[in-house]
């Protein structure tokens, strides 16, 4: 792209809105994941007996295993949420900004 096109993109209010929306959304998801992971580690560090408790009287599987799997799955879910929004809302806004800049 040429320099005037880049300037038109940077001066477009939709571009500023896109950047701000992506920033807030990305940080929100990052903080959620950090809270999940840090919470898991803090419980392991300070309340290890909680995750060491068996799920039931006749099983050797402890609460730590499903909670650990949940931490891993939460990363996949949050990634999926971001990808879905990026492929719909963010890509559409990007196309609109580029089309307006090229006119």
C-alpha atoms as a PDB file:
ATOM      1  CA  UNK A   1       0.000   0.000   0.000  1.00  0.00           C
ATOM      2  CA  UNK A   2       1.128   3.492  -0.657  1.00  0.00           C
ATOM      3  CA  UNK A   3       1.812   6.072   2.011  1.00  0.00           C
ATOM      4  CA  UNK A   4      -1.392   8.100   1.347  1.00  0.00           C
ATOM      5  CA  UNK A   5      -3.434   4.898   1.650  1.00  0.00           C
ATOM      6  CA  UNK A   6      -1.782   4.098   4.949  1.00  0.00           C
ATOM      7  CA  UNK A   7      -2.474   7.613   6.196  1.00  0.00           C
ATOM      8  CA  UNK A   8      -6.153   7.335   5.196  1.00  0.00           C
ATOM      9  CA  UNK A   9      -6.371   4.041   7.086  1.00  0.00           C
ATOM     10  CA  UNK A  10      -4.751   5.490  10.198  1.00  0.00           C
ATOM     11  CA  UNK A  11      -7.047   8.533  10.100  1.00  0.00           C
ATOM     12  CA  UNK A  12     -10.208   6.464   9.651  1.00  0.00           C
ATOM     13  CA  UNK A  13     -12.364   6.461  12.829  1.00  0.00           C
ATOM     14  CA  UNK A  14     -13.344   2.843  12.121  1.00  0.00           C
ATOM     15  CA  UNK A  15      -9.648   1.904  12.281  1.00  0.00           C
ATOM     16  CA  UNK A  16      -9.288   3.571  15.679  1.00  0.00           C
ATOM     17  CA  UNK A  17     -12.424   1.777  16.885  1.00  0.00           C
ATOM     18  CA  UNK A  18     -11.098  -1.541  15.549  1.00  0.00           C
ATOM     19  CA  UNK A  19      -7.772  -1.126  17.334  1.00  0.00           C
ATOM     20  CA  UNK A  20      -9.448  -0.167  20.614  1.00  0.00           C
ATOM     21  CA  UNK A  21     -11.986  -3.005  20.422  1.00  0.00           C
ATOM     22  CA  UNK A  22      -9.303  -5.588  19.670  1.00  0.00           C
ATOM     23  CA  UNK A  23      -7.107  -4.267  22.458  1.00  0.00           C
ATOM     24  CA  UNK A  24      -9.827  -4.394  25.103  1.00  0.00           C
ATOM     25  CA  UNK A  25     -11.079  -7.791  23.953  1.00  0.00           C
ATOM     26  CA  UNK A  26      -7.581  -9.303  23.841  1.00  0.00           C
ATOM     27  CA  UNK A  27      -6.673  -7.996  27.273  1.00  0.00           C
ATOM     28  CA  UNK A  28      -9.971  -9.209  28.723  1.00  0.00           C
ATOM     29  CA  UNK A  29      -9.413 -12.738  27.449  1.00  0.00           C
ATOM     30  CA  UNK A  30      -5.778 -12.651  28.596  1.00  0.00           C
ATOM     31  CA  UNK A  31      -6.775 -11.578  32.103  1.00  0.00           C
ATOM     32  CA  UNK A  32      -9.430 -14.296  32.270  1.00  0.00           C
ATOM     33  CA  UNK A  33      -6.882 -16.946  31.265  1.00  0.00           C
ATOM     34  CA  UNK A  34      -4.298 -15.576  33.675  1.00  0.00           C
ATOM     35  CA  UNK A  35      -6.833 -15.648  36.524  1.00  0.00           C
ATOM     36  CA  UNK A  36      -7.780 -19.245  35.727  1.00  0.00           C
ATOM     37  CA  UNK A  37      -4.174 -20.400  35.543  1.00  0.00           C
ATOM     38  CA  UNK A  38      -2.963 -18.435  38.577  1.00  0.00           C
ATOM     39  CA  UNK A  39      -5.963 -19.591  40.591  1.00  0.00           C
ATOM     40  CA  UNK A  40      -5.121 -23.181  39.719  1.00  0.00           C
ATOM     41  CA  UNK A  41      -1.466 -22.754  40.714  1.00  0.00           C
ATOM     42  CA  UNK A  42      -2.342 -20.891  43.926  1.00  0.00           C
ATOM     43  CA  UNK A  43      -4.734 -23.638  44.986  1.00  0.00           C
ATOM     44  CA  UNK A  44      -2.041 -26.234  44.283  1.00  0.00           C
ATOM     45  CA  UNK A  45       0.430 -24.196  46.329  1.00  0.00           C
ATOM     46  CA  UNK A  46      -1.714 -23.325  49.327  1.00  0.00           C
ATOM     47  CA  UNK A  47      -4.561 -25.867  49.429  1.00  0.00           C
ATOM     48  CA  UNK A  48      -3.052 -28.995  47.846  1.00  0.00           C
ATOM     49  CA  UNK A  49      -5.343 -31.293  49.808  1.00  0.00           C
ATOM     50  CA  UNK A  50      -8.304 -29.850  47.850  1.00  0.00           C
ATOM     51  CA  UNK A  51      -7.033 -31.175  44.519  1.00  0.00           C
ATOM     52  CA  UNK A  52      -5.729 -34.327  46.204  1.00  0.00           C
ATOM     53  CA  UNK A  53      -9.210 -35.351  47.351  1.00  0.00           C
ATOM     54  CA  UNK A  54     -10.655 -38.297  45.384  1.00  0.00           C
ATOM     55  CA  UNK A  55     -13.778 -37.648  43.321  1.00  0.00           C
ATOM     56  CA  UNK A  56     -15.590 -40.410  45.141  1.00  0.00           C
ATOM     57  CA  UNK A  57     -15.028 -43.227  47.613  1.00  0.00           C
ATOM     58  CA  UNK A  58     -14.419 -45.869  44.938  1.00  0.00           C
ATOM     59  CA  UNK A  59     -12.050 -43.946  42.640  1.00  0.00           C
ATOM     60  CA  UNK A  60      -8.402 -43.009  42.612  1.00  0.00           C
ATOM     61  CA  UNK A  61      -9.022 -39.986  40.384  1.00  0.00           C
ATOM     62  CA  UNK A  62      -8.640 -36.778  42.353  1.00  0.00           C
ATOM     63  CA  UNK A  63     -10.244 -33.368  41.839  1.00  0.00           C
ATOM     64  CA  UNK A  64      -6.952 -32.087  40.446  1.00  0.00           C
ATOM     65  CA  UNK A  65      -7.299 -34.042  37.211  1.00  0.00           C
ATOM     66  CA  UNK A  66     -10.669 -32.698  36.005  1.00  0.00           C
ATOM     67  CA  UNK A  67      -9.783 -29.192  37.199  1.00  0.00           C
ATOM     68  CA  UNK A  68      -6.435 -29.378  35.339  1.00  0.00           C
ATOM     69  CA  UNK A  69      -8.212 -30.570  32.208  1.00  0.00           C
ATOM     70  CA  UNK A  70     -10.643 -27.689  32.678  1.00  0.00           C
ATOM     71  CA  UNK A  71      -7.749 -25.207  32.766  1.00  0.00           C
ATOM     72  CA  UNK A  72      -6.423 -26.610  29.484  1.00  0.00           C
ATOM     73  CA  UNK A  73      -9.874 -26.639  27.881  1.00  0.00           C
ATOM     74  CA  UNK A  74     -10.513 -23.068  28.995  1.00  0.00           C
ATOM     75  CA  UNK A  75      -7.504 -21.991  26.923  1.00  0.00           C
ATOM     76  CA  UNK A  76      -9.017 -23.686  23.862  1.00  0.00           C
ATOM     77  CA  UNK A  77     -12.424 -22.123  24.527  1.00  0.00           C
ATOM     78  CA  UNK A  78     -11.014 -18.617  24.965  1.00  0.00           C
ATOM     79  CA  UNK A  79      -8.935 -19.049  21.808  1.00  0.00           C
ATOM     80  CA  UNK A  80     -12.046 -20.177  19.942  1.00  0.00           C
ATOM     81  CA  UNK A  81     -13.965 -17.157  21.200  1.00  0.00           C
ATOM     82  CA  UNK A  82     -11.220 -14.845  19.965  1.00  0.00           C
ATOM     83  CA  UNK A  83     -10.939 -16.572  16.568  1.00  0.00           C
ATOM     84  CA  UNK A  84     -14.692 -16.463  16.030  1.00  0.00           C
ATOM     85  CA  UNK A  85     -14.869 -12.750  16.781  1.00  0.00           C
ATOM     86  CA  UNK A  86     -11.738 -12.036  14.747  1.00  0.00           C
ATOM     87  CA  UNK A  87     -13.108 -13.903  11.736  1.00  0.00           C
ATOM     88  CA  UNK A  88     -16.448 -12.111  11.847  1.00  0.00           C
ATOM     89  CA  UNK A  89     -16.453  -8.661  13.420  1.00  0.00           C
ATOM     90  CA  UNK A  90     -12.752  -7.755  13.203  1.00  0.00           C
ATOM     91  CA  UNK A  91     -12.259  -9.001   9.638  1.00  0.00           C
ATOM     92  CA  UNK A  92     -15.385  -7.155   8.483  1.00  0.00           C
ATOM     93  CA  UNK A  93     -14.195  -3.898  10.037  1.00  0.00           C
ATOM     94  CA  UNK A  94     -10.755  -4.388   8.492  1.00  0.00           C
ATOM     95  CA  UNK A  95     -12.276  -4.888   5.045  1.00  0.00           C
ATOM     96  CA  UNK A  96     -14.401  -1.764   5.433  1.00  0.00           C
ATOM     97  CA  UNK A  97     -11.398   0.323   6.492  1.00  0.00           C
ATOM     98  CA  UNK A  98      -9.261  -0.913   3.598  1.00  0.00           C
ATOM     99  CA  UNK A  99     -12.052  -0.402   1.047  1.00  0.00           C
ATOM    100  CA  UNK A 100     -12.660   3.141   2.279  1.00  0.00           C
ATOM    101  CA  UNK A 101      -8.942   3.907   2.133  1.00  0.00           C
ATOM    102  CA  UNK A 102      -8.602   2.634  -1.431  1.00  0.00           C
ATOM    103  CA  UNK A 103     -11.449   4.772  -2.788  1.00  0.00           C
END
